[in-house]
Amino acid sequence: MKIALAKEGNLVSGHFGHCEGFEVFDVVDGKIEGRSFLPNPGHRPGFLPPYLAEKGIDVIIAGGMGATAQELFKENGVSVVVGAQGNIEDVVNAYVSGNLQSTGSVCRDHAHEGNCKA
């Protein structure tokens, strides 16, 4: 399984579309086996969900995300977890251990640039 976390520095980004990039964790049998960084190629409506799906991502974790992006991820077979906050290592470990669930929150204001309410 490949889990991508939208990130800013070592923290989960408040909005996946405007993040610096995605920390991708390879998980095998419930254990993190590797990780890599995928730079954000730029925010364009509708682009990132299929782009990340083509990269083999199974799960996307972010602080906030709009409804259209969430739907596009689901259409591309990628599970969405929103409402995550904190250090990316802590968040991915919580997800892998089954202790992180999506809040289901939806960002509605695209002028926020990092101010989504998760």
PDB file of N, CA and C in Angstrom:
ATOM      1  N   MET A   1       0.842  -1.165   0.000  1.00  0.00           N
ATOM      2  CA  MET A   1       0.000   0.000   0.000  1.00  0.00           C
ATOM      3  C   MET A   1       0.894   1.237   0.000  1.00  0.00           C
ATOM      4  N   LYS A   2       0.474   2.259  -0.776  1.00  0.00           N
ATOM      5  CA  LYS A   2       1.187   3.539  -0.781  1.00  0.00           C
ATOM      6  C   LYS A   2       0.280   4.599  -0.183  1.00  0.00           C
ATOM      7  N   ILE A   3       0.797   5.255   0.849  1.00  0.00           N
ATOM      8  CA  ILE A   3       0.065   6.312   1.546  1.00  0.00           C
ATOM      9  C   ILE A   3       0.792   7.626   1.292  1.00  0.00           C
ATOM     10  N   ALA A   4       0.065   8.617   0.764  1.00  0.00           N
ATOM     11  CA  ALA A   4       0.645   9.931   0.527  1.00  0.00           C
ATOM     12  C   ALA A   4       0.077  10.921   1.536  1.00  0.00           C
ATOM     13  N   LEU A   5       0.952  11.688   2.147  1.00  0.00           N
ATOM     14  CA  LEU A   5       0.532  12.752   3.061  1.00  0.00           C
ATOM     15  C   LEU A   5       0.894  14.088   2.437  1.00  0.00           C
ATOM     16  N   ALA A   6      -0.108  14.960   2.292  1.00  0.00           N
ATOM     17  CA  ALA A   6       0.153  16.323   1.843  1.00  0.00           C
ATOM     18  C   ALA A   6       0.934  17.003   2.964  1.00  0.00           C
ATOM     19  N   LYS A   7       2.073  17.631   2.626  1.00  0.00           N
ATOM     20  CA  LYS A   7       2.918  18.144   3.696  1.00  0.00           C
ATOM     21  C   LYS A   7       3.430  19.541   3.442  1.00  0.00           C
ATOM     22  N   GLU A   8       3.748  20.205   4.543  1.00  0.00           N
ATOM     23  CA  GLU A   8       4.478  21.475   4.600  1.00  0.00           C
ATOM     24  C   GLU A   8       5.543  21.257   5.657  1.00  0.00           C
ATOM     25  N   GLY A   9       6.792  21.171   5.251  1.00  0.00           N
ATOM     26  CA  GLY A   9       7.850  20.835   6.201  1.00  0.00           C
ATOM     27  C   GLY A   9       7.605  19.429   6.718  1.00  0.00           C
ATOM     28  N   ASN A  10       7.567  19.271   8.029  1.00  0.00           N
ATOM     29  CA  ASN A  10       7.310  17.958   8.632  1.00  0.00           C
ATOM     30  C   ASN A  10       5.877  17.815   9.125  1.00  0.00           C
ATOM     31  N   LEU A  11       5.008  18.756   8.724  1.00  0.00           N
ATOM     32  CA  LEU A  11       3.623  18.744   9.184  1.00  0.00           C
ATOM     33  C   LEU A  11       2.657  18.432   8.057  1.00  0.00           C
ATOM     34  N   VAL A  12       1.513  17.876   8.411  1.00  0.00           N
ATOM     35  CA  VAL A  12       0.448  17.648   7.443  1.00  0.00           C
ATOM     36  C   VAL A  12      -0.066  19.015   7.001  1.00  0.00           C
ATOM     37  N   SER A  13      -0.208  19.193   5.703  1.00  0.00           N
ATOM     38  CA  SER A  13      -0.677  20.453   5.146  1.00  0.00           C
ATOM     39  C   SER A  13      -2.177  20.620   5.376  1.00  0.00           C
ATOM     40  N   GLY A  14      -2.589  21.859   5.612  1.00  0.00           N
ATOM     41  CA  GLY A  14      -4.002  22.168   5.805  1.00  0.00           C
ATOM     42  C   GLY A  14      -4.831  21.984   4.555  1.00  0.00           C
ATOM     43  N   HIS A  15      -4.215  22.047   3.380  1.00  0.00           N
ATOM     44  CA  HIS A  15      -4.942  21.838   2.131  1.00  0.00           C
ATOM     45  C   HIS A  15      -4.028  21.149   1.136  1.00  0.00           C
ATOM     46  N   PHE A  16      -4.428  19.993   0.696  1.00  0.00           N
ATOM     47  CA  PHE A  16      -3.541  19.177  -0.124  1.00  0.00           C
ATOM     48  C   PHE A  16      -3.141  19.861  -1.422  1.00  0.00           C
ATOM     49  N   GLY A  17      -4.018  20.621  -2.045  1.00  0.00           N
ATOM     50  CA  GLY A  17      -3.724  21.217  -3.347  1.00  0.00           C
ATOM     51  C   GLY A  17      -2.642  22.269  -3.322  1.00  0.00           C
ATOM     52  N   HIS A  18      -2.435  22.895  -2.184  1.00  0.00           N
ATOM     53  CA  HIS A  18      -1.448  23.965  -2.072  1.00  0.00           C
ATOM     54  C   HIS A  18      -0.229  23.547  -1.254  1.00  0.00           C
ATOM     55  N   CYS A  19      -0.069  22.258  -1.003  1.00  0.00           N
ATOM     56  CA  CYS A  19       1.066  21.777  -0.203  1.00  0.00           C
ATOM     57  C   CYS A  19       2.353  21.846  -1.017  1.00  0.00           C
ATOM     58  N   GLU A  20       3.478  21.731  -0.322  1.00  0.00           N
ATOM     59  CA  GLU A  20       4.775  21.717  -1.006  1.00  0.00           C
ATOM     60  C   GLU A  20       4.984  20.404  -1.756  1.00  0.00           C
ATOM     61  N   GLY A  21       4.351  19.358  -1.277  1.00  0.00           N
ATOM     62  CA  GLY A  21       4.487  18.057  -1.911  1.00  0.00           C
ATOM     63  C   GLY A  21       3.888  16.973  -1.050  1.00  0.00           C
ATOM     64  N   PHE A  22       4.189  15.741  -1.405  1.00  0.00           N
ATOM     65  CA  PHE A  22       3.585  14.578  -0.770  1.00  0.00           C
ATOM     66  C   PHE A  22       4.662  13.628  -0.284  1.00  0.00           C
ATOM     67  N   GLU A  23       4.617  13.311   0.998  1.00  0.00           N
ATOM     68  CA  GLU A  23       5.507  12.290   1.547  1.00  0.00           C
ATOM     69  C   GLU A  23       4.794  10.965   1.321  1.00  0.00           C
ATOM     70  N   VAL A  24       5.430  10.077   0.594  1.00  0.00           N
ATOM     71  CA  VAL A  24       4.823   8.803   0.215  1.00  0.00           C
ATOM     72  C   VAL A  24       5.464   7.688   1.029  1.00  0.00           C
ATOM     73  N   PHE A  25       4.632   6.960   1.749  1.00  0.00           N
ATOM     74  CA  PHE A  25       5.091   5.852   2.586  1.00  0.00           C
ATOM     75  C   PHE A  25       4.650   4.539   1.956  1.00  0.00           C
ATOM     76  N   ASP A  26       5.587   3.617   1.799  1.00  0.00           N
ATOM     77  CA  ASP A  26       5.283   2.269   1.317  1.00  0.00           C
ATOM     78  C   ASP A  26       5.057   1.386   2.533  1.00  0.00           C
ATOM     79  N   VAL A  27       3.863   0.807   2.621  1.00  0.00           N
ATOM     80  CA  VAL A  27       3.490  -0.019   3.768  1.00  0.00           C
ATOM     81  C   VAL A  27       3.273  -1.448   3.299  1.00  0.00           C
ATOM     82  N   VAL A  28       3.981  -2.378   3.932  1.00  0.00           N
ATOM     83  CA  VAL A  28       3.871  -3.799   3.619  1.00  0.00           C
ATOM     84  C   VAL A  28       3.567  -4.551   4.913  1.00  0.00           C
ATOM     85  N   ASP A  29       2.499  -5.303   4.917  1.00  0.00           N
ATOM     86  CA  ASP A  29       2.108  -6.083   6.095  1.00  0.00           C
ATOM     87  C   ASP A  29       2.055  -5.228   7.365  1.00  0.00           C
ATOM     88  N   GLY A  30       1.495  -4.014   7.239  1.00  0.00           N
ATOM     89  CA  GLY A  30       1.322  -3.156   8.387  1.00  0.00           C
ATOM     90  C   GLY A  30       2.574  -2.461   8.885  1.00  0.00           C
ATOM     91  N   LYS A  31       3.661  -2.527   8.096  1.00  0.00           N
ATOM     92  CA  LYS A  31       4.914  -1.892   8.492  1.00  0.00           C
ATOM     93  C   LYS A  31       5.397  -0.968   7.389  1.00  0.00           C
ATOM     94  N   ILE A  32       5.921   0.181   7.786  1.00  0.00           N
ATOM     95  CA  ILE A  32       6.474   1.120   6.814  1.00  0.00           C
ATOM     96  C   ILE A  32       7.814   0.573   6.333  1.00  0.00           C
ATOM     97  N   GLU A  33       7.892   0.326   5.029  1.00  0.00           N
ATOM     98  CA  GLU A  33       9.089  -0.271   4.434  1.00  0.00           C
ATOM     99  C   GLU A  33       9.944   0.748   3.680  1.00  0.00           C
ATOM    100  N   GLY A  34       9.383   1.914   3.421  1.00  0.00           N
ATOM    101  CA  GLY A  34      10.144   2.928   2.700  1.00  0.00           C
ATOM    102  C   GLY A  34       9.342   4.205   2.578  1.00  0.00           C
ATOM    103  N   ARG A  35      10.036   5.260   2.157  1.00  0.00           N
ATOM    104  CA  ARG A  35       9.361   6.537   1.966  1.00  0.00           C
ATOM    105  C   ARG A  35      10.107   7.361   0.937  1.00  0.00           C
ATOM    106  N   SER A  36       9.372   8.252   0.300  1.00  0.00           N
ATOM    107  CA  SER A  36       9.956   9.133  -0.703  1.00  0.00           C
ATOM    108  C   SER A  36       9.147  10.423  -0.740  1.00  0.00           C
ATOM    109  N   PHE A  37       9.690  11.416  -1.410  1.00  0.00           N
ATOM    110  CA  PHE A  37       9.020  12.706  -1.528  1.00  0.00           C
ATOM    111  C   PHE A  37       8.634  12.940  -2.976  1.00  0.00           C
ATOM    112  N   LEU A  38       7.393  13.348  -3.176  1.00  0.00           N
ATOM    113  CA  LEU A  38       6.880  13.662  -4.502  1.00  0.00           C
ATOM    114  C   LEU A  38       6.493  15.144  -4.496  1.00  0.00           C
ATOM    115  N   PRO A  39       7.253  16.002  -5.187  1.00  0.00           N
ATOM    116  CA  PRO A  39       6.927  17.430  -5.186  1.00  0.00           C
ATOM    117  C   PRO A  39       5.550  17.676  -5.811  1.00  0.00           C
ATOM    118  N   ASN A  40       4.872  18.691  -5.323  1.00  0.00           N
ATOM    119  CA  ASN A  40       3.590  19.088  -5.889  1.00  0.00           C
ATOM    120  C   ASN A  40       3.866  19.720  -7.249  1.00  0.00           C
ATOM    121  N   PRO A  41       3.325  19.153  -8.338  1.00  0.00           N
ATOM    122  CA  PRO A  41       3.577  19.712  -9.664  1.00  0.00           C
ATOM    123  C   PRO A  41       2.793  20.996  -9.937  1.00  0.00           C
ATOM    124  N   GLY A  42       1.994  21.421  -8.973  1.00  0.00           N
ATOM    125  CA  GLY A  42       1.225  22.648  -9.132  1.00  0.00           C
ATOM    126  C   GLY A  42      -0.257  22.388  -9.026  1.00  0.00           C
ATOM    127  N   HIS A  43      -0.955  23.330  -8.425  1.00  0.00           N
ATOM    128  CA  HIS A  43      -2.397  23.183  -8.215  1.00  0.00           C
ATOM    129  C   HIS A  43      -3.138  23.569  -9.485  1.00  0.00           C
ATOM    130  N   ARG A  44      -3.837  22.574 -10.050  1.00  0.00           N
ATOM    131  CA  ARG A  44      -4.726  22.793 -11.189  1.00  0.00           C
ATOM    132  C   ARG A  44      -5.975  21.975 -10.889  1.00  0.00           C
ATOM    133  N   PRO A  45      -7.132  22.601 -10.908  1.00  0.00           N
ATOM    134  CA  PRO A  45      -8.360  21.866 -10.572  1.00  0.00           C
ATOM    135  C   PRO A  45      -8.482  20.562 -11.352  1.00  0.00           C
ATOM    136  N   GLY A  46      -8.711  19.479 -10.596  1.00  0.00           N
ATOM    137  CA  GLY A  46      -8.923  18.166 -11.191  1.00  0.00           C
ATOM    138  C   GLY A  46      -7.675  17.397 -11.566  1.00  0.00           C
ATOM    139  N   PHE A  47      -6.484  17.988 -11.431  1.00  0.00           N
ATOM    140  CA  PHE A  47      -5.255  17.334 -11.864  1.00  0.00           C
ATOM    141  C   PHE A  47      -4.663  16.366 -10.843  1.00  0.00           C
ATOM    142  N   LEU A  48      -4.562  16.797  -9.595  1.00  0.00           N
ATOM    143  CA  LEU A  48      -3.831  15.999  -8.601  1.00  0.00           C
ATOM    144  C   LEU A  48      -4.431  14.623  -8.306  1.00  0.00           C
ATOM    145  N   PRO A  49      -5.745  14.457  -8.212  1.00  0.00           N
ATOM    146  CA  PRO A  49      -6.257  13.102  -7.927  1.00  0.00           C
ATOM    147  C   PRO A  49      -5.839  12.041  -8.955  1.00  0.00           C
ATOM    148  N   PRO A  50      -6.025  12.258 -10.268  1.00  0.00           N
ATOM    149  CA  PRO A  50      -5.559  11.223 -11.195  1.00  0.00           C
ATOM    150  C   PRO A  50      -4.038  11.113 -11.254  1.00  0.00           C
ATOM    151  N   TYR A  51      -3.335  12.231 -11.079  1.00  0.00           N
ATOM    152  CA  TYR A  51      -1.878  12.221 -11.068  1.00  0.00           C
ATOM    153  C   TYR A  51      -1.354  11.316  -9.956  1.00  0.00           C
ATOM    154  N   LEU A  52      -1.879  11.491  -8.743  1.00  0.00           N
ATOM    155  CA  LEU A  52      -1.423  10.665  -7.619  1.00  0.00           C
ATOM    156  C   LEU A  52      -1.863   9.210  -7.788  1.00  0.00           C
ATOM    157  N   ALA A  53      -3.046   8.991  -8.350  1.00  0.00           N
ATOM    158  CA  ALA A  53      -3.490   7.617  -8.611  1.00  0.00           C
ATOM    159  C   ALA A  53      -2.541   6.929  -9.594  1.00  0.00           C
ATOM    160  N   GLU A  54      -2.103   7.655 -10.622  1.00  0.00           N
ATOM    161  CA  GLU A  54      -1.155   7.099 -11.596  1.00  0.00           C
ATOM    162  C   GLU A  54       0.189   6.766 -10.952  1.00  0.00           C
ATOM    163  N   LYS A  55       0.519   7.449  -9.864  1.00  0.00           N
ATOM    164  CA  LYS A  55       1.763   7.175  -9.134  1.00  0.00           C
ATOM    165  C   LYS A  55       1.604   5.991  -8.180  1.00  0.00           C
ATOM    166  N   GLY A  56       0.423   5.364  -8.181  1.00  0.00           N
ATOM    167  CA  GLY A  56       0.212   4.179  -7.350  1.00  0.00           C
ATOM    168  C   GLY A  56      -0.256   4.460  -5.938  1.00  0.00           C
ATOM    169  N   ILE A  57      -0.685   5.686  -5.661  1.00  0.00           N
ATOM    170  CA  ILE A  57      -1.135   6.045  -4.315  1.00  0.00           C
ATOM    171  C   ILE A  57      -2.471   5.363  -4.018  1.00  0.00           C
ATOM    172  N   ASP A  58      -2.576   4.740  -2.857  1.00  0.00           N
ATOM    173  CA  ASP A  58      -3.803   4.075  -2.416  1.00  0.00           C
ATOM    174  C   ASP A  58      -4.606   4.917  -1.443  1.00  0.00           C
ATOM    175  N   VAL A  59      -3.900   5.764  -0.651  1.00  0.00           N
ATOM    176  CA  VAL A  59      -4.533   6.583   0.381  1.00  0.00           C
ATOM    177  C   VAL A  59      -3.894   7.964   0.347  1.00  0.00           C
ATOM    178  N   ILE A  60      -4.723   9.015   0.399  1.00  0.00           N
ATOM    179  CA  ILE A  60      -4.229  10.384   0.531  1.00  0.00           C
ATOM    180  C   ILE A  60      -4.694  10.919   1.879  1.00  0.00           C
ATOM    181  N   ILE A  61      -3.765  11.512   2.620  1.00  0.00           N
ATOM    182  CA  ILE A  61      -4.078  12.089   3.926  1.00  0.00           C
ATOM    183  C   ILE A  61      -3.732  13.577   3.867  1.00  0.00           C
ATOM    184  N   ALA A  62      -4.686  14.416   4.291  1.00  0.00           N
ATOM    185  CA  ALA A  62      -4.477  15.865   4.297  1.00  0.00           C
ATOM    186  C   ALA A  62      -5.274  16.480   5.429  1.00  0.00           C
ATOM    187  N   GLY A  63      -4.939  17.714   5.734  1.00  0.00           N
ATOM    188  CA  GLY A  63      -5.717  18.447   6.725  1.00  0.00           C
ATOM    189  C   GLY A  63      -7.073  18.819   6.166  1.00  0.00           C
ATOM    190  N   GLY A  64      -7.080  19.331   4.935  1.00  0.00           N
ATOM    191  CA  GLY A  64      -8.315  19.744   4.303  1.00  0.00           C
ATOM    192  C   GLY A  64      -8.280  19.501   2.814  1.00  0.00           C
ATOM    193  N   MET A  65      -9.489  19.371   2.237  1.00  0.00           N
ATOM    194  CA  MET A  65      -9.605  19.099   0.817  1.00  0.00           C
ATOM    195  C   MET A  65     -11.026  19.437   0.379  1.00  0.00           C
ATOM    196  N   GLY A  66     -11.168  19.971  -0.814  1.00  0.00           N
ATOM    197  CA  GLY A  66     -12.483  20.297  -1.348  1.00  0.00           C
ATOM    198  C   GLY A  66     -13.271  19.062  -1.745  1.00  0.00           C
ATOM    199  N   ALA A  67     -14.575  19.251  -1.892  1.00  0.00           N
ATOM    200  CA  ALA A  67     -15.475  18.142  -2.225  1.00  0.00           C
ATOM    201  C   ALA A  67     -15.166  17.536  -3.586  1.00  0.00           C
ATOM    202  N   THR A  68     -14.863  18.362  -4.578  1.00  0.00           N
ATOM    203  CA  THR A  68     -14.581  17.840  -5.917  1.00  0.00           C
ATOM    204  C   THR A  68     -13.339  16.970  -5.903  1.00  0.00           C
ATOM    205  N   ALA A  69     -12.279  17.424  -5.238  1.00  0.00           N
ATOM    206  CA  ALA A  69     -11.049  16.632  -5.156  1.00  0.00           C
ATOM    207  C   ALA A  69     -11.311  15.313  -4.440  1.00  0.00           C
ATOM    208  N   GLN A  70     -12.079  15.348  -3.348  1.00  0.00           N
ATOM    209  CA  GLN A  70     -12.382  14.107  -2.635  1.00  0.00           C
ATOM    210  C   GLN A  70     -13.112  13.132  -3.541  1.00  0.00           C
ATOM    211  N   GLU A  71     -14.063  13.633  -4.322  1.00  0.00           N
ATOM    212  CA  GLU A  71     -14.817  12.760  -5.227  1.00  0.00           C
ATOM    213  C   GLU A  71     -13.916  12.204  -6.336  1.00  0.00           C
ATOM    214  N   LEU A  72     -13.040  13.049  -6.876  1.00  0.00           N
ATOM    215  CA  LEU A  72     -12.121  12.586  -7.924  1.00  0.00           C
ATOM    216  C   LEU A  72     -11.159  11.523  -7.394  1.00  0.00           C
ATOM    217  N   PHE A  73     -10.693  11.678  -6.173  1.00  0.00           N
ATOM    218  CA  PHE A  73      -9.843  10.638  -5.592  1.00  0.00           C
ATOM    219  C   PHE A  73     -10.610   9.323  -5.505  1.00  0.00           C
ATOM    220  N   LYS A  74     -11.823   9.382  -5.009  1.00  0.00           N
ATOM    221  CA  LYS A  74     -12.630   8.160  -4.881  1.00  0.00           C
ATOM    222  C   LYS A  74     -12.872   7.521  -6.239  1.00  0.00           C
ATOM    223  N   GLU A  75     -13.144   8.340  -7.262  1.00  0.00           N
ATOM    224  CA  GLU A  75     -13.342   7.819  -8.618  1.00  0.00           C
ATOM    225  C   GLU A  75     -12.082   7.154  -9.163  1.00  0.00           C
ATOM    226  N   ASN A  76     -10.931   7.591  -8.680  1.00  0.00           N
ATOM    227  CA  ASN A  76      -9.650   7.021  -9.110  1.00  0.00           C
ATOM    228  C   ASN A  76      -9.147   5.923  -8.174  1.00  0.00           C
ATOM    229  N   GLY A  77     -10.007   5.457  -7.257  1.00  0.00           N
ATOM    230  CA  GLY A  77      -9.659   4.337  -6.390  1.00  0.00           C
ATOM    231  C   GLY A  77      -8.733   4.676  -5.247  1.00  0.00           C
ATOM    232  N   VAL A  78      -8.668   5.961  -4.868  1.00  0.00           N
ATOM    233  CA  VAL A  78      -7.791   6.401  -3.782  1.00  0.00           C
ATOM    234  C   VAL A  78      -8.661   6.760  -2.579  1.00  0.00           C
ATOM    235  N   SER A  79      -8.374   6.169  -1.431  1.00  0.00           N
ATOM    236  CA  SER A  79      -9.088   6.490  -0.195  1.00  0.00           C
ATOM    237  C   SER A  79      -8.637   7.854   0.309  1.00  0.00           C
ATOM    238  N   VAL A  80      -9.577   8.615   0.870  1.00  0.00           N
ATOM    239  CA  VAL A  80      -9.309   9.966   1.337  1.00  0.00           C
ATOM    240  C   VAL A  80      -9.467  10.042   2.853  1.00  0.00           C
ATOM    241  N   VAL A  81      -8.459  10.619   3.509  1.00  0.00           N
ATOM    242  CA  VAL A  81      -8.521  10.899   4.938  1.00  0.00           C
ATOM    243  C   VAL A  81      -8.260  12.392   5.104  1.00  0.00           C
ATOM    244  N   VAL A  82      -9.249  13.112   5.628  1.00  0.00           N
ATOM    245  CA  VAL A  82      -9.094  14.545   5.873  1.00  0.00           C
ATOM    246  C   VAL A  82      -9.265  14.834   7.365  1.00  0.00           C
ATOM    247  N   GLY A  83      -8.799  15.997   7.749  1.00  0.00           N
ATOM    248  CA  GLY A  83      -8.882  16.391   9.152  1.00  0.00           C
ATOM    249  C   GLY A  83      -7.642  16.029   9.938  1.00  0.00           C
ATOM    250  N   ALA A  84      -6.615  15.509   9.256  1.00  0.00           N
ATOM    251  CA  ALA A  84      -5.372  15.125   9.939  1.00  0.00           C
ATOM    252  C   ALA A  84      -4.552  16.366  10.262  1.00  0.00           C
ATOM    253  N   GLN A  85      -3.872  16.321  11.403  1.00  0.00           N
ATOM    254  CA  GLN A  85      -3.010  17.415  11.834  1.00  0.00           C
ATOM    255  C   GLN A  85      -1.788  16.852  12.522  1.00  0.00           C
ATOM    256  N   GLY A  86      -0.695  17.590  12.423  1.00  0.00           N
ATOM    257  CA  GLY A  86       0.487  17.212  13.186  1.00  0.00           C
ATOM    258  C   GLY A  86       1.642  16.740  12.328  1.00  0.00           C
ATOM    259  N   ASN A  87       2.608  16.144  12.998  1.00  0.00           N
ATOM    260  CA  ASN A  87       3.820  15.617  12.389  1.00  0.00           C
ATOM    261  C   ASN A  87       3.480  14.463  11.445  1.00  0.00           C
ATOM    262  N   ILE A  88       4.065  14.470  10.247  1.00  0.00           N
ATOM    263  CA  ILE A  88       3.694  13.450   9.259  1.00  0.00           C
ATOM    264  C   ILE A  88       4.006  12.032   9.726  1.00  0.00           C
ATOM    265  N   GLU A  89       5.119  11.844  10.440  1.00  0.00           N
ATOM    266  CA  GLU A  89       5.449  10.496  10.910  1.00  0.00           C
ATOM    267  C   GLU A  89       4.416  10.010  11.920  1.00  0.00           C
ATOM    268  N   ASP A  90       4.006  10.890  12.828  1.00  0.00           N
ATOM    269  CA  ASP A  90       2.993  10.520  13.818  1.00  0.00           C
ATOM    270  C   ASP A  90       1.665  10.187  13.140  1.00  0.00           C
ATOM    271  N   VAL A  91       1.300  10.983  12.135  1.00  0.00           N
ATOM    272  CA  VAL A  91       0.023  10.784  11.442  1.00  0.00           C
ATOM    273  C   VAL A  91       0.029   9.481  10.656  1.00  0.00           C
ATOM    274  N   VAL A  92       1.094   9.203   9.919  1.00  0.00           N
ATOM    275  CA  VAL A  92       1.113   7.955   9.141  1.00  0.00           C
ATOM    276  C   VAL A  92       1.135   6.745  10.067  1.00  0.00           C
ATOM    277  N   ASN A  93       1.857   6.833  11.176  1.00  0.00           N
ATOM    278  CA  ASN A  93       1.864   5.722  12.131  1.00  0.00           C
ATOM    279  C   ASN A  93       0.480   5.508  12.745  1.00  0.00           C
ATOM    280  N   ALA A  94      -0.230   6.592  13.025  1.00  0.00           N
ATOM    281  CA  ALA A  94      -1.593   6.472  13.547  1.00  0.00           C
ATOM    282  C   ALA A  94      -2.497   5.808  12.516  1.00  0.00           C
ATOM    283  N   TYR A  95      -2.337   6.171  11.246  1.00  0.00           N
ATOM    284  CA  TYR A  95      -3.166   5.561  10.200  1.00  0.00           C
ATOM    285  C   TYR A  95      -2.859   4.066  10.064  1.00  0.00           C
ATOM    286  N   VAL A  96      -1.582   3.735   9.992  1.00  0.00           N
ATOM    287  CA  VAL A  96      -1.180   2.334   9.810  1.00  0.00           C
ATOM    288  C   VAL A  96      -1.650   1.467  10.980  1.00  0.00           C
ATOM    289  N   SER A  97      -1.649   2.035  12.184  1.00  0.00           N
ATOM    290  CA  SER A  97      -2.075   1.265  13.360  1.00  0.00           C
ATOM    291  C   SER A  97      -3.593   1.277  13.555  1.00  0.00           C
ATOM    292  N   GLY A  98      -4.318   1.944  12.653  1.00  0.00           N
ATOM    293  CA  GLY A  98      -5.774   1.957  12.735  1.00  0.00           C
ATOM    294  C   GLY A  98      -6.337   3.004  13.677  1.00  0.00           C
ATOM    295  N   ASN A  99      -5.506   3.969  14.078  1.00  0.00           N
ATOM    296  CA  ASN A  99      -5.931   4.990  15.039  1.00  0.00           C
ATOM    297  C   ASN A  99      -6.173   6.355  14.416  1.00  0.00           C
ATOM    298  N   LEU A 100      -6.367   6.415  13.101  1.00  0.00           N
ATOM    299  CA  LEU A 100      -6.662   7.674  12.425  1.00  0.00           C
ATOM    300  C   LEU A 100      -7.808   7.438  11.456  1.00  0.00           C
ATOM    301  N   GLN A 101      -8.848   8.230  11.623  1.00  0.00           N
ATOM    302  CA  GLN A 101      -9.985   8.154  10.714  1.00  0.00           C
ATOM    303  C   GLN A 101     -10.267   9.530  10.161  1.00  0.00           C
ATOM    304  N   SER A 102     -10.856   9.563   8.980  1.00  0.00           N
ATOM    305  CA  SER A 102     -11.218  10.816   8.347  1.00  0.00           C
ATOM    306  C   SER A 102     -12.331  11.513   9.115  1.00  0.00           C
ATOM    307  N   THR A 103     -12.222  12.840   9.207  1.00  0.00           N
ATOM    308  CA  THR A 103     -13.309  13.607   9.817  1.00  0.00           C
ATOM    309  C   THR A 103     -14.427  13.853   8.807  1.00  0.00           C
ATOM    310  N   GLY A 104     -14.125  13.659   7.515  1.00  0.00           N
ATOM    311  CA  GLY A 104     -15.112  13.900   6.476  1.00  0.00           C
ATOM    312  C   GLY A 104     -15.313  15.368   6.163  1.00  0.00           C
ATOM    313  N   SER A 105     -14.490  16.237   6.738  1.00  0.00           N
ATOM    314  CA  SER A 105     -14.653  17.675   6.527  1.00  0.00           C
ATOM    315  C   SER A 105     -14.351  18.043   5.072  1.00  0.00           C
ATOM    316  N   VAL A 106     -14.975  19.123   4.628  1.00  0.00           N
ATOM    317  CA  VAL A 106     -14.815  19.593   3.253  1.00  0.00           C
ATOM    318  C   VAL A 106     -14.434  21.064   3.277  1.00  0.00           C
ATOM    319  N   CYS A 107     -13.358  21.417   2.560  1.00  0.00           N
ATOM    320  CA  CYS A 107     -12.986  22.825   2.404  1.00  0.00           C
ATOM    321  C   CYS A 107     -13.901  23.430   1.356  1.00  0.00           C
ATOM    322  N   ARG A 108     -14.455  24.600   1.663  1.00  0.00           N
ATOM    323  CA  ARG A 108     -15.360  25.251   0.724  1.00  0.00           C
ATOM    324  C   ARG A 108     -14.840  26.587   0.208  1.00  0.00           C
ATOM    325  N   ASP A 109     -13.821  27.117   0.835  1.00  0.00           N
ATOM    326  CA  ASP A 109     -13.304  28.435   0.460  1.00  0.00           C
ATOM    327  C   ASP A 109     -11.925  28.274  -0.156  1.00  0.00           C
ATOM    328  N   HIS A 110     -11.813  28.474  -1.450  1.00  0.00           N
ATOM    329  CA  HIS A 110     -10.522  28.267  -2.120  1.00  0.00           C
ATOM    330  C   HIS A 110      -9.605  29.464  -2.054  1.00  0.00           C
ATOM    331  N   ALA A 111      -9.985  30.485  -1.326  1.00  0.00           N
ATOM    332  CA  ALA A 111      -9.096  31.618  -1.120  1.00  0.00           C
ATOM    333  C   ALA A 111      -8.362  31.504   0.209  1.00  0.00           C
ATOM    334  N   HIS A 112      -8.490  30.355   0.855  1.00  0.00           N
ATOM    335  CA  HIS A 112      -7.974  30.169   2.213  1.00  0.00           C
ATOM    336  C   HIS A 112      -6.466  30.063   2.293  1.00  0.00           C
ATOM    337  N   GLU A 113      -5.801  29.393   1.359  1.00  0.00           N
ATOM    338  CA  GLU A 113      -4.360  29.151   1.357  1.00  0.00           C
ATOM    339  C   GLU A 113      -3.859  28.768   2.744  1.00  0.00           C
ATOM    340  N   GLY A 114      -4.243  27.595   3.194  1.00  0.00           N
ATOM    341  CA  GLY A 114      -3.740  27.075   4.461  1.00  0.00           C
ATOM    342  C   GLY A 114      -4.626  27.345   5.653  1.00  0.00           C
ATOM    343  N   ASN A 115      -5.819  27.858   5.432  1.00  0.00           N
ATOM    344  CA  ASN A 115      -6.708  28.183   6.550  1.00  0.00           C
ATOM    345  C   ASN A 115      -7.972  27.338   6.573  1.00  0.00           C
ATOM    346  N   CYS A 116      -7.931  26.139   6.028  1.00  0.00           N
ATOM    347  CA  CYS A 116      -9.105  25.262   6.036  1.00  0.00           C
ATOM    348  C   CYS A 116      -9.433  24.874   7.474  1.00  0.00           C
ATOM    349  N   LYS A 117     -10.676  24.772   7.751  1.00  0.00           N
ATOM    350  CA  LYS A 117     -11.119  24.301   9.069  1.00  0.00           C
ATOM    351  C   LYS A 117     -11.393  22.806   8.949  1.00  0.00           C
ATOM    352  N   ALA A 118     -10.527  21.998   9.511  1.00  0.00           N
ATOM    353  CA  ALA A 118     -10.637  20.550   9.359  1.00  0.00           C
ATOM    354  C   ALA A 118     -11.596  19.937  10.341  1.00  0.00           C
TER     355      ALA A 118
END
